Protein backbone atom coordinates (compact mmCIF):
# COMPACT_ATOMS: atom_id res chain seq x y z
CA MET A 1 35.00 -35.18 -1.63
CA VAL A 2 34.79 -31.93 -3.18
CA ARG A 3 33.34 -31.78 -6.67
CA LYS A 4 33.48 -29.22 -9.41
CA SER A 5 30.47 -28.22 -11.45
CA VAL A 6 29.59 -31.05 -13.76
CA LEU A 7 29.73 -28.70 -16.69
CA ALA A 8 33.22 -27.68 -15.58
CA MET A 9 34.18 -31.34 -15.47
CA PHE A 10 33.09 -31.95 -19.08
CA ALA A 11 34.37 -28.33 -20.47
CA VAL A 12 37.52 -29.89 -21.62
CA ILE A 13 35.84 -32.77 -23.62
CA ALA A 14 35.61 -30.82 -27.05
CA THR A 15 39.05 -29.43 -26.91
CA THR A 16 40.60 -32.77 -25.94
CA PHE A 17 38.80 -34.70 -28.53
CA ALA A 18 41.14 -34.58 -31.29
CA ILE A 19 43.89 -36.00 -29.07
CA LEU A 20 41.99 -38.62 -27.15
CA SER A 21 44.65 -41.21 -28.54
CA VAL A 22 47.19 -39.73 -26.00
CA MET A 23 45.07 -38.66 -23.16
CA THR A 24 42.01 -39.89 -21.32
CA LEU A 25 38.69 -37.86 -20.70
CA PRO A 26 38.23 -36.51 -17.10
CA GLU A 27 36.39 -39.11 -14.90
CA LEU A 28 32.76 -38.84 -13.78
CA ALA A 29 33.37 -39.61 -11.24
CA SER A 30 12.14 -63.59 -3.05
CA ALA A 31 13.17 -63.03 0.34
CA ILE A 32 15.09 -60.50 2.27
CA THR A 33 18.75 -60.43 1.31
CA PRO A 34 20.37 -62.57 3.94
CA SER A 35 22.87 -60.76 6.47
CA GLN A 36 25.98 -63.00 5.32
CA THR A 37 28.04 -62.08 2.29
CA ALA A 38 31.29 -63.08 0.56
CA VAL A 39 33.27 -60.84 -1.96
CA THR A 40 35.32 -62.29 -4.92
CA SER A 41 37.57 -60.20 -6.79
CA ILE A 42 37.76 -60.94 -10.48
CA THR A 43 40.38 -59.42 -12.64
CA VAL A 44 39.18 -57.65 -15.75
CA GLY A 45 40.47 -54.94 -17.71
CA THR A 46 41.78 -51.28 -16.96
CA ASN A 47 39.30 -48.98 -15.12
CA PRO A 48 36.06 -51.13 -15.31
CA ALA A 49 33.01 -48.78 -15.52
CA PHE A 50 29.65 -50.25 -16.26
CA PHE A 51 27.63 -53.53 -16.54
CA ALA A 52 25.34 -55.33 -18.61
CA VAL A 53 23.77 -58.68 -17.34
CA SER A 54 22.42 -61.30 -19.58
CA PRO A 55 18.77 -61.83 -19.41
CA ASP A 56 19.38 -65.37 -18.20
CA GLY A 57 22.18 -64.36 -15.86
CA SER A 58 24.76 -66.71 -17.43
CA ASN A 59 27.23 -63.75 -18.43
CA VAL A 60 28.15 -60.31 -17.02
CA TRP A 61 29.73 -57.66 -19.44
CA VAL A 62 31.86 -54.89 -18.13
CA THR A 63 33.35 -51.95 -20.10
CA ASN A 64 36.93 -51.24 -19.32
CA GLN A 65 37.13 -47.55 -19.67
CA ASN A 66 40.73 -47.19 -20.31
CA GLY A 67 41.58 -50.82 -21.67
CA ASP A 68 39.81 -50.48 -24.94
CA GLY A 69 37.86 -53.68 -24.12
CA VAL A 70 34.98 -55.55 -22.74
CA SER A 71 35.35 -58.29 -20.37
CA ARG A 72 32.84 -61.12 -20.67
CA ILE A 73 32.46 -62.99 -17.25
CA ASN A 74 30.95 -66.45 -17.12
CA THR A 75 28.96 -66.26 -14.04
CA ALA A 76 29.10 -70.14 -13.33
CA THR A 77 33.03 -70.18 -13.33
CA ASN A 78 34.04 -66.53 -13.11
CA ALA A 79 36.03 -67.04 -16.08
CA VAL A 80 36.84 -63.78 -18.04
CA THR A 81 37.01 -63.49 -21.83
CA SER A 82 38.43 -60.27 -23.09
CA ILE A 83 36.76 -58.62 -26.17
CA ASN A 84 38.37 -55.83 -28.12
CA VAL A 85 36.04 -52.93 -29.20
CA GLY A 86 36.57 -49.40 -29.84
CA THR A 87 38.45 -46.53 -27.78
CA TYR A 88 37.42 -45.80 -24.28
CA PRO A 89 34.27 -48.13 -23.91
CA TYR A 90 31.88 -46.64 -21.46
CA GLY A 91 28.07 -47.55 -21.73
CA VAL A 92 26.93 -50.89 -22.36
CA ALA A 93 23.57 -52.68 -22.93
CA VAL A 94 22.20 -56.30 -23.82
CA SER A 95 19.50 -57.08 -26.15
CA PRO A 96 16.21 -58.49 -24.63
CA ASP A 97 17.04 -61.96 -26.33
CA GLY A 98 20.60 -61.93 -25.13
CA SER A 99 21.96 -62.33 -28.56
CA SER A 100 23.77 -58.94 -28.96
CA VAL A 101 25.80 -56.54 -26.46
CA TRP A 102 26.00 -53.13 -27.54
CA VAL A 103 29.12 -50.94 -26.42
CA ALA A 104 29.18 -47.27 -26.73
CA ASN A 105 33.14 -46.18 -27.38
CA TYR A 106 33.34 -42.67 -26.22
CA GLY A 107 36.93 -42.13 -27.34
CA GLY A 108 35.56 -41.92 -30.98
CA THR A 109 32.51 -42.12 -33.34
CA THR A 110 31.76 -45.92 -33.10
CA VAL A 111 29.40 -48.49 -31.39
CA SER A 112 30.61 -51.82 -31.06
CA ARG A 113 27.89 -54.93 -31.55
CA ILE A 114 29.04 -58.05 -29.97
CA ASN A 115 27.59 -61.29 -31.13
CA THR A 116 27.07 -63.20 -27.76
CA THR A 117 27.61 -66.58 -29.59
CA THR A 118 30.70 -66.05 -31.31
CA ASN A 119 32.28 -62.85 -29.54
CA ALA A 120 32.48 -61.32 -33.11
CA VAL A 121 32.49 -57.56 -33.05
CA THR A 122 30.78 -55.36 -35.70
CA SER A 123 31.66 -51.66 -35.67
CA ILE A 124 28.90 -49.32 -36.43
CA THR A 125 29.60 -45.44 -37.12
CA VAL A 126 27.33 -43.12 -34.89
CA GLY A 127 28.06 -39.48 -33.78
CA ALA A 128 31.20 -37.98 -31.86
CA LEU A 129 31.71 -39.19 -28.45
CA PRO A 130 28.96 -41.84 -27.81
CA TYR A 131 28.45 -42.22 -24.32
CA ASN A 132 25.47 -44.08 -23.25
CA ILE A 133 23.17 -46.58 -24.83
CA ALA A 134 19.74 -48.26 -24.56
CA VAL A 135 17.96 -50.86 -26.13
CA SER A 136 14.22 -50.96 -26.96
CA PRO A 137 12.09 -53.46 -25.08
CA ASP A 138 11.44 -55.35 -28.36
CA GLY A 139 14.96 -55.47 -29.32
CA SER A 140 14.45 -53.59 -32.74
CA SER A 141 16.36 -50.49 -32.11
CA VAL A 142 19.42 -49.34 -29.99
CA TRP A 143 19.65 -45.70 -28.86
CA VAL A 144 23.29 -43.98 -28.37
CA THR A 145 23.98 -40.35 -27.17
CA ASN A 146 26.44 -38.59 -28.95
CA TYR A 147 27.94 -35.84 -26.46
CA ILE A 148 29.83 -33.68 -29.02
CA SER A 149 27.65 -33.99 -31.91
CA GLY A 150 24.50 -32.95 -29.78
CA THR A 151 22.77 -35.94 -31.38
CA VAL A 152 21.15 -39.40 -30.84
CA SER A 153 21.93 -42.24 -33.09
CA ARG A 154 19.05 -44.86 -33.63
CA ILE A 155 20.36 -48.06 -34.80
CA ASP A 156 18.15 -50.60 -36.69
CA THR A 157 19.14 -53.99 -35.12
CA THR A 158 18.22 -55.74 -38.11
CA THR A 159 20.36 -53.87 -40.52
CA ASN A 160 22.68 -51.89 -38.50
CA ALA A 161 21.50 -48.74 -40.38
CA VAL A 162 21.77 -45.40 -38.29
CA THR A 163 19.50 -42.46 -38.08
CA SER A 164 20.81 -39.26 -36.62
CA ILE A 165 18.23 -37.25 -34.63
CA THR A 166 19.05 -33.94 -33.22
CA VAL A 167 18.61 -33.17 -29.36
CA GLY A 168 19.86 -30.78 -26.90
CA ASN A 169 23.45 -29.66 -25.89
CA ALA A 170 25.73 -32.52 -24.71
CA PRO A 171 23.34 -35.47 -24.63
CA PHE A 172 24.28 -38.09 -22.01
CA GLY A 173 21.73 -40.25 -20.31
CA VAL A 174 19.31 -42.23 -22.26
CA ALA A 175 16.34 -44.50 -21.27
CA VAL A 176 13.36 -46.25 -23.35
CA SER A 177 9.79 -46.20 -21.85
CA PRO A 178 8.59 -49.77 -21.08
CA ASP A 179 6.38 -49.76 -24.06
CA GLY A 180 9.09 -48.56 -26.53
CA SER A 181 7.01 -45.47 -27.55
CA SER A 182 9.44 -42.69 -26.29
CA VAL A 183 12.99 -42.28 -25.63
CA TRP A 184 14.27 -39.97 -22.92
CA VAL A 185 17.62 -38.19 -23.33
CA THR A 186 19.29 -35.91 -20.66
CA ASN A 187 21.16 -33.05 -22.20
CA LEU A 188 23.92 -32.47 -19.72
CA GLY A 189 25.01 -29.22 -21.09
CA GLY A 190 21.89 -27.27 -20.50
CA THR A 191 18.59 -27.69 -18.73
CA THR A 192 16.35 -29.94 -21.06
CA VAL A 193 15.40 -33.57 -21.53
CA SER A 194 14.48 -34.45 -25.12
CA ARG A 195 11.69 -36.95 -25.55
CA ILE A 196 11.81 -38.76 -28.75
CA ASN A 197 8.61 -40.27 -30.22
CA THR A 198 9.88 -43.55 -31.52
CA THR A 199 7.11 -43.82 -34.27
CA THR A 200 8.08 -40.37 -35.93
CA ASN A 201 11.66 -39.51 -34.47
CA ILE A 202 9.95 -36.22 -33.55
CA VAL A 203 11.70 -34.50 -30.47
CA THR A 204 9.92 -32.56 -27.72
CA SER A 205 12.18 -30.28 -25.32
CA ILE A 206 11.28 -30.47 -21.70
CA THR A 207 12.81 -27.97 -19.23
CA VAL A 208 14.29 -29.61 -16.11
CA GLY A 209 16.99 -28.45 -13.90
CA ASN A 210 20.83 -27.60 -14.58
CA ALA A 211 23.07 -30.29 -15.98
CA PRO A 212 20.40 -33.16 -16.17
CA PHE A 213 22.42 -36.28 -15.87
CA GLY A 214 20.77 -39.80 -14.80
CA VAL A 215 17.31 -40.92 -16.22
CA VAL A 216 14.81 -43.78 -15.50
CA VAL A 217 11.50 -44.50 -16.36
CA SER A 218 8.90 -46.07 -13.92
CA PRO A 219 7.85 -49.51 -14.57
CA ASP A 220 4.27 -48.43 -15.51
CA GLY A 221 5.73 -45.70 -17.88
CA LEU A 222 3.96 -42.93 -16.04
CA SER A 223 6.80 -41.13 -15.01
CA VAL A 224 10.44 -40.14 -15.67
CA TRP A 225 13.00 -39.34 -13.21
CA VAL A 226 15.91 -37.02 -13.87
CA THR A 227 18.82 -36.16 -11.82
CA ASN A 228 19.99 -32.47 -12.31
CA TYR A 229 23.57 -32.67 -11.09
CA ASP A 230 24.02 -28.95 -10.72
CA SER A 231 20.70 -28.12 -8.99
CA GLY A 232 20.49 -30.50 -6.19
CA THR A 233 17.21 -31.63 -7.58
CA VAL A 234 15.28 -34.39 -9.24
CA SER A 235 12.62 -33.80 -11.83
CA ARG A 236 9.70 -35.76 -12.13
CA ILE A 237 8.13 -35.77 -15.47
CA ASN A 238 4.44 -36.83 -16.19
CA THR A 239 4.66 -38.71 -19.31
CA THR A 240 1.06 -37.94 -20.11
CA THR A 241 1.37 -34.25 -19.85
CA ASN A 242 5.10 -33.65 -19.85
CA ALA A 243 4.55 -31.63 -16.84
CA VAL A 244 7.66 -31.51 -14.40
CA THR A 245 7.91 -31.38 -10.43
CA SER A 246 11.04 -30.36 -9.01
CA ILE A 247 12.15 -32.59 -5.93
CA THR A 248 15.07 -31.28 -3.81
CA VAL A 249 17.67 -34.00 -2.88
CA GLY A 250 21.18 -33.80 -1.92
CA THR A 251 24.36 -32.21 -3.46
CA PHE A 252 25.28 -33.39 -7.04
CA PRO A 253 22.68 -36.23 -7.48
CA TYR A 254 24.05 -38.46 -10.00
CA GLY A 255 22.67 -42.23 -10.26
CA VAL A 256 18.98 -42.89 -10.23
CA ALA A 257 16.89 -46.18 -9.85
CA VAL A 258 13.31 -47.20 -9.36
CA SER A 259 12.22 -50.14 -7.24
CA PRO A 260 10.39 -52.91 -9.24
CA ASP A 261 6.91 -52.00 -7.87
CA GLY A 262 7.44 -48.38 -8.73
CA SER A 263 7.04 -47.17 -5.10
CA SER A 264 10.44 -45.65 -4.45
CA VAL A 265 13.06 -43.93 -6.42
CA TRP A 266 16.58 -43.89 -5.22
CA VAL A 267 19.01 -41.08 -5.96
CA THR A 268 23.01 -41.14 -5.28
CA ASN A 269 24.26 -37.72 -4.06
CA ASN A 270 27.76 -37.83 -5.35
CA GLY A 271 28.83 -34.73 -3.56
CA GLY A 272 28.15 -36.03 0.02
CA THR A 273 27.23 -39.23 1.93
CA THR A 274 23.75 -39.78 1.36
CA VAL A 275 21.13 -41.49 -0.80
CA SER A 276 17.69 -39.94 -1.27
CA ARG A 277 14.80 -42.28 -1.07
CA ILE A 278 11.72 -40.78 -2.89
CA ASN A 279 8.17 -42.04 -1.93
CA THR A 280 6.52 -41.91 -5.49
CA ALA A 281 2.97 -41.55 -3.91
CA THR A 282 3.97 -38.31 -2.00
CA ASN A 283 7.25 -37.28 -3.56
CA ALA A 284 8.55 -37.27 0.19
CA VAL A 285 12.47 -37.70 0.36
CA THR A 286 14.07 -39.71 3.12
CA PRO A 287 17.84 -39.23 3.33
CA ILE A 288 19.99 -42.41 4.11
CA THR A 289 23.46 -42.10 5.01
CA VAL A 290 25.95 -44.32 3.13
CA GLY A 291 29.45 -44.04 2.19
CA ALA A 292 31.53 -41.27 0.51
CA SER A 293 30.69 -40.14 -2.92
CA PRO A 294 27.86 -42.35 -3.64
CA PHE A 295 28.00 -43.12 -7.41
CA GLY A 296 26.15 -46.20 -9.05
CA VAL A 297 22.74 -47.46 -7.63
CA ALA A 298 20.96 -50.85 -8.16
CA VAL A 299 17.68 -52.23 -6.83
CA SER A 300 17.49 -56.06 -6.27
CA PRO A 301 14.69 -57.69 -8.53
CA ASP A 302 12.55 -58.64 -5.53
CA GLY A 303 12.79 -54.84 -4.37
CA SER A 304 14.24 -55.96 -0.99
CA SER A 305 17.40 -54.44 -1.14
CA VAL A 306 19.27 -51.45 -2.90
CA TRP A 307 23.06 -51.55 -3.58
CA VAL A 308 25.19 -48.35 -3.67
CA ALA A 309 28.58 -47.94 -4.92
CA ASN A 310 30.53 -45.53 -2.81
CA GLU A 311 33.20 -44.05 -5.18
CA GLY A 312 35.16 -42.19 -2.40
CA SER A 313 34.94 -45.11 0.26
CA ALA A 314 36.03 -48.32 -1.77
CA SER A 315 32.72 -49.82 -0.45
CA VAL A 316 29.21 -50.79 -1.24
CA SER A 317 26.23 -49.99 0.89
CA ARG A 318 23.44 -52.46 0.92
CA ILE A 319 20.22 -50.73 2.07
CA ASN A 320 17.42 -53.04 3.49
CA THR A 321 14.23 -51.41 1.79
CA ASN A 322 11.93 -52.36 4.71
CA THR A 323 14.03 -50.76 7.31
CA ASN A 324 16.45 -48.47 5.41
CA ALA A 325 19.10 -50.06 7.56
CA VAL A 326 22.55 -49.97 6.03
CA THR A 327 25.33 -52.37 5.65
CA SER A 328 28.70 -51.51 4.40
CA ILE A 329 30.61 -54.05 2.42
CA THR A 330 34.35 -53.53 1.29
CA VAL A 331 35.30 -53.85 -2.33
CA GLY A 332 37.99 -52.48 -4.74
CA ALA A 333 39.21 -49.01 -5.33
CA THR A 334 36.70 -46.12 -6.69
CA PRO A 335 33.48 -48.38 -7.21
CA TRP A 336 31.41 -47.06 -10.09
CA GLY A 337 28.95 -49.26 -11.81
CA VAL A 338 26.82 -51.85 -9.80
CA ALA A 339 24.57 -54.61 -11.06
CA VAL A 340 22.21 -57.36 -9.64
CA SER A 341 21.85 -60.69 -11.44
CA PRO A 342 18.28 -61.41 -12.42
CA ASP A 343 17.76 -63.96 -9.90
CA GLY A 344 19.30 -61.75 -7.11
CA SER A 345 21.86 -64.34 -6.52
CA SER A 346 25.00 -62.01 -6.83
CA VAL A 347 25.92 -58.33 -7.03
CA TRP A 348 28.60 -56.87 -9.33
CA VAL A 349 30.76 -53.91 -8.72
CA ALA A 350 33.05 -52.30 -11.22
CA ASN A 351 36.24 -50.83 -9.30
CA ASN A 352 37.00 -48.02 -11.48
CA GLY A 353 40.41 -47.45 -9.65
CA GLY A 354 42.02 -50.70 -10.55
CA THR A 355 41.35 -53.73 -12.64
CA THR A 356 39.03 -55.70 -10.85
CA VAL A 357 35.27 -56.45 -10.56
CA SER A 358 33.84 -57.53 -7.23
CA ARG A 359 31.42 -60.21 -6.85
CA ILE A 360 29.19 -60.31 -3.88
CA ILE A 361 27.39 -63.52 -3.15
CA PHE A 362 25.15 -64.86 -0.32
CA PRO A 363 24.04 -67.95 1.19
CA PRO A 364 21.47 -69.93 -0.78
CA GLN A 365 17.69 -69.52 -0.62
CA PRO A 366 15.67 -72.36 1.24
CA PRO A 367 15.14 -75.70 -0.75
CA ASP A 368 11.97 -75.65 -2.63
CA ASN A 369 9.08 -78.34 -2.70
CA VAL A 370 9.97 -79.98 0.58
CA THR A 371 7.86 -83.13 1.25
CA ALA A 372 8.16 -85.83 4.02
CA THR A 373 6.86 -89.53 3.70
CA PRO A 374 6.30 -91.07 7.32
CA GLY A 375 7.67 -94.42 7.95
CA ASP A 376 8.13 -96.93 10.89
CA ALA A 377 10.03 -94.74 13.39
CA GLN A 378 11.40 -92.66 10.55
CA ALA A 379 10.78 -90.22 7.93
CA SER A 380 11.94 -89.78 4.27
CA ILE A 381 12.62 -86.24 3.34
CA SER A 382 12.79 -84.98 -0.30
CA TRP A 383 13.01 -81.44 -2.03
CA THR A 384 14.25 -79.68 -5.09
CA ALA A 385 17.24 -77.56 -5.15
CA PRO A 386 16.67 -73.73 -4.61
CA THR A 387 16.57 -71.71 -7.82
CA ASN A 388 18.72 -69.23 -6.19
CA THR A 389 21.94 -70.72 -4.92
CA GLY A 390 23.33 -67.54 -3.67
CA GLY A 391 25.88 -67.14 -6.38
CA SER A 392 28.06 -70.12 -5.01
CA PRO A 393 27.39 -73.84 -5.72
CA ILE A 394 25.51 -75.61 -3.09
CA THR A 395 27.74 -77.96 -0.93
CA GLY A 396 25.21 -79.79 1.09
CA TYR A 397 21.74 -80.11 2.61
CA THR A 398 20.60 -80.90 6.04
CA ALA A 399 17.18 -82.05 7.18
CA THR A 400 16.63 -81.86 11.10
CA ALA A 401 13.88 -82.89 13.18
CA SER A 402 12.33 -81.13 16.02
CA VAL A 403 12.03 -82.08 18.88
CA GLY A 404 15.10 -84.23 19.29
CA GLY A 405 17.38 -82.96 16.70
CA LEU A 406 17.82 -86.14 14.80
CA SER A 407 18.93 -85.21 11.15
CA CYS A 408 20.33 -86.66 8.01
CA THR A 409 22.63 -84.79 5.57
CA THR A 410 23.53 -85.16 1.73
CA THR A 411 26.05 -83.61 -0.42
CA THR A 412 24.17 -83.45 -3.68
CA ALA A 413 21.34 -85.66 -3.24
CA ILE A 414 17.91 -84.26 -2.78
CA SER A 415 16.45 -86.66 -0.46
CA CYS A 416 17.45 -88.31 2.81
CA THR A 417 15.95 -90.34 5.75
CA ILE A 418 15.87 -89.37 9.31
CA SER A 419 15.57 -92.59 11.56
CA GLY A 420 15.22 -93.11 15.30
CA LEU A 421 11.97 -91.17 15.58
CA THR A 422 8.96 -92.08 17.84
CA ASN A 423 5.88 -93.19 16.08
CA ALA A 424 2.71 -91.26 16.53
CA THR A 425 4.76 -88.09 17.45
CA THR A 426 4.42 -85.13 15.03
CA TYR A 427 7.85 -83.64 14.25
CA TYR A 428 8.71 -80.36 12.39
CA VAL A 429 11.54 -81.07 9.95
CA SER A 430 13.56 -78.05 8.65
CA VAL A 431 15.54 -78.54 5.49
CA THR A 432 18.46 -76.15 4.85
CA ALA A 433 21.02 -75.76 1.93
CA THR A 434 24.69 -74.79 2.61
CA ASN A 435 27.18 -73.01 0.20
CA ALA A 436 30.65 -71.57 0.85
CA VAL A 437 29.04 -68.45 2.37
CA GLY A 438 26.79 -69.94 4.72
CA ILE A 439 23.35 -71.50 5.43
CA SER A 440 19.90 -70.94 4.10
CA ASP A 441 16.86 -70.07 5.95
CA PRO A 442 15.10 -73.26 6.53
CA SER A 443 11.82 -74.94 4.67
CA VAL A 444 9.71 -76.73 7.12
CA VAL A 445 7.26 -79.67 6.70
CA ALA A 446 5.53 -81.67 9.41
CA VAL A 447 5.43 -85.32 9.51
CA THR A 448 4.28 -88.21 11.90
CA PRO A 449 5.98 -91.44 12.02
CA THR A 450 3.66 -94.48 11.89
CA THR A 451 3.69 -98.20 11.42
CA THR A 452 1.27 -97.95 8.85
CA THR A 453 1.57 -95.68 5.95
CA THR A 454 -1.58 -94.51 3.96
CA THR A 455 -2.03 -91.76 1.38
CA ALA A 456 -3.30 -89.53 4.26
CA ASP A 457 0.15 -89.70 5.84
CA LEU A 458 1.75 -88.00 3.08
CA VAL A 459 2.24 -84.43 4.32
CA THR A 460 3.01 -81.39 2.18
CA PRO A 461 5.27 -78.31 3.54
CA ALA A 462 3.85 -76.31 6.60
CA PHE A 463 5.72 -73.25 5.41
CA THR A 464 8.88 -71.98 3.75
CA GLY A 465 11.21 -69.80 5.77
């Protein structure tokens, strides 16, 4: 897919701002994840773009770029509630306590604050063409980049009062440091990042590459990573000194994400078919081939997989972070945003070329806390349901003894008894959970049936698969 310079793509924004009501802006464009997946298509609004996931994973919020609304998806049922906000909603973020969702409406001058208990919407005036949005770790302030105004709006979440802070040309991406002390803004119309001191609102300008776009802060807060769309580079900023290191990646680097342990940074090269994996200890770059025009990127909470939305392929690439092996999963047209649920049980993909979100689910994780009580030629097995069900309800459990293969099954009960065993023989009992996608890895416990049961006969799990 051939891309224009990002500045050329955005050059028409200022001249079309006055007539946005009749035309759209040009598009920007715990365990190893099981091999089995299933994709569910969920109908939302027109041109879904980006996500916010509630901290408890109970709701997913997606902005419908040309639908003037936000779709709220109940993750237990996939039921969708449509909420009207401002014109052309784009960036979205959720407060740390889950009480508010914040939406930047780039077709005007407002941010919409959604009360997650009632779905009531409060409109807050900010600068012109608000694009992206971030919430401070303590939830006290919201930061909005206003592309046309050259400003960032700081919203006090207690009062909704707005403070305007002047930054660079065409501010776009925004990220807050883990300790809340700094806000980082990419100025897409130039070659700078603005660092805002959140105590004083003082701005420091830092020179990076051409058309700085995406921005992310490392979990320890010591590094900031910026994709320079027109330079084919990533800038690594030392947050102690503001010193910049330039790292060459692929063509038109766009999305950027960092692993939970901070060991890797992942960059989507939208002008080709690769993702760049950067080793943060050495800055060494490994290119990984994915689909056409990779766009959004997200890392699973346990760091075991990276998910890439391939805008030009109608697919998502799942990268195993241990091996860099890639699996392609078909989704809807023009996938943009991608997000992973807090427990890793679902991956969400916004198919910007249509009206759907793809939910990718997996088999469950293994049952937890498996124990076995020996009896006369039998063993009573019990367990607790896995926290991560794979995004689909568990339909049954099976406990199987080896050697011999005798078993017992349940639908919802979390215990069963295996009969017909031989006393004084040690068996290894594997317990698995099943959902609509497949069967979990086993949790295994050892047990020796006996005619006499003592406290010493009660055996705890040998290992969990």
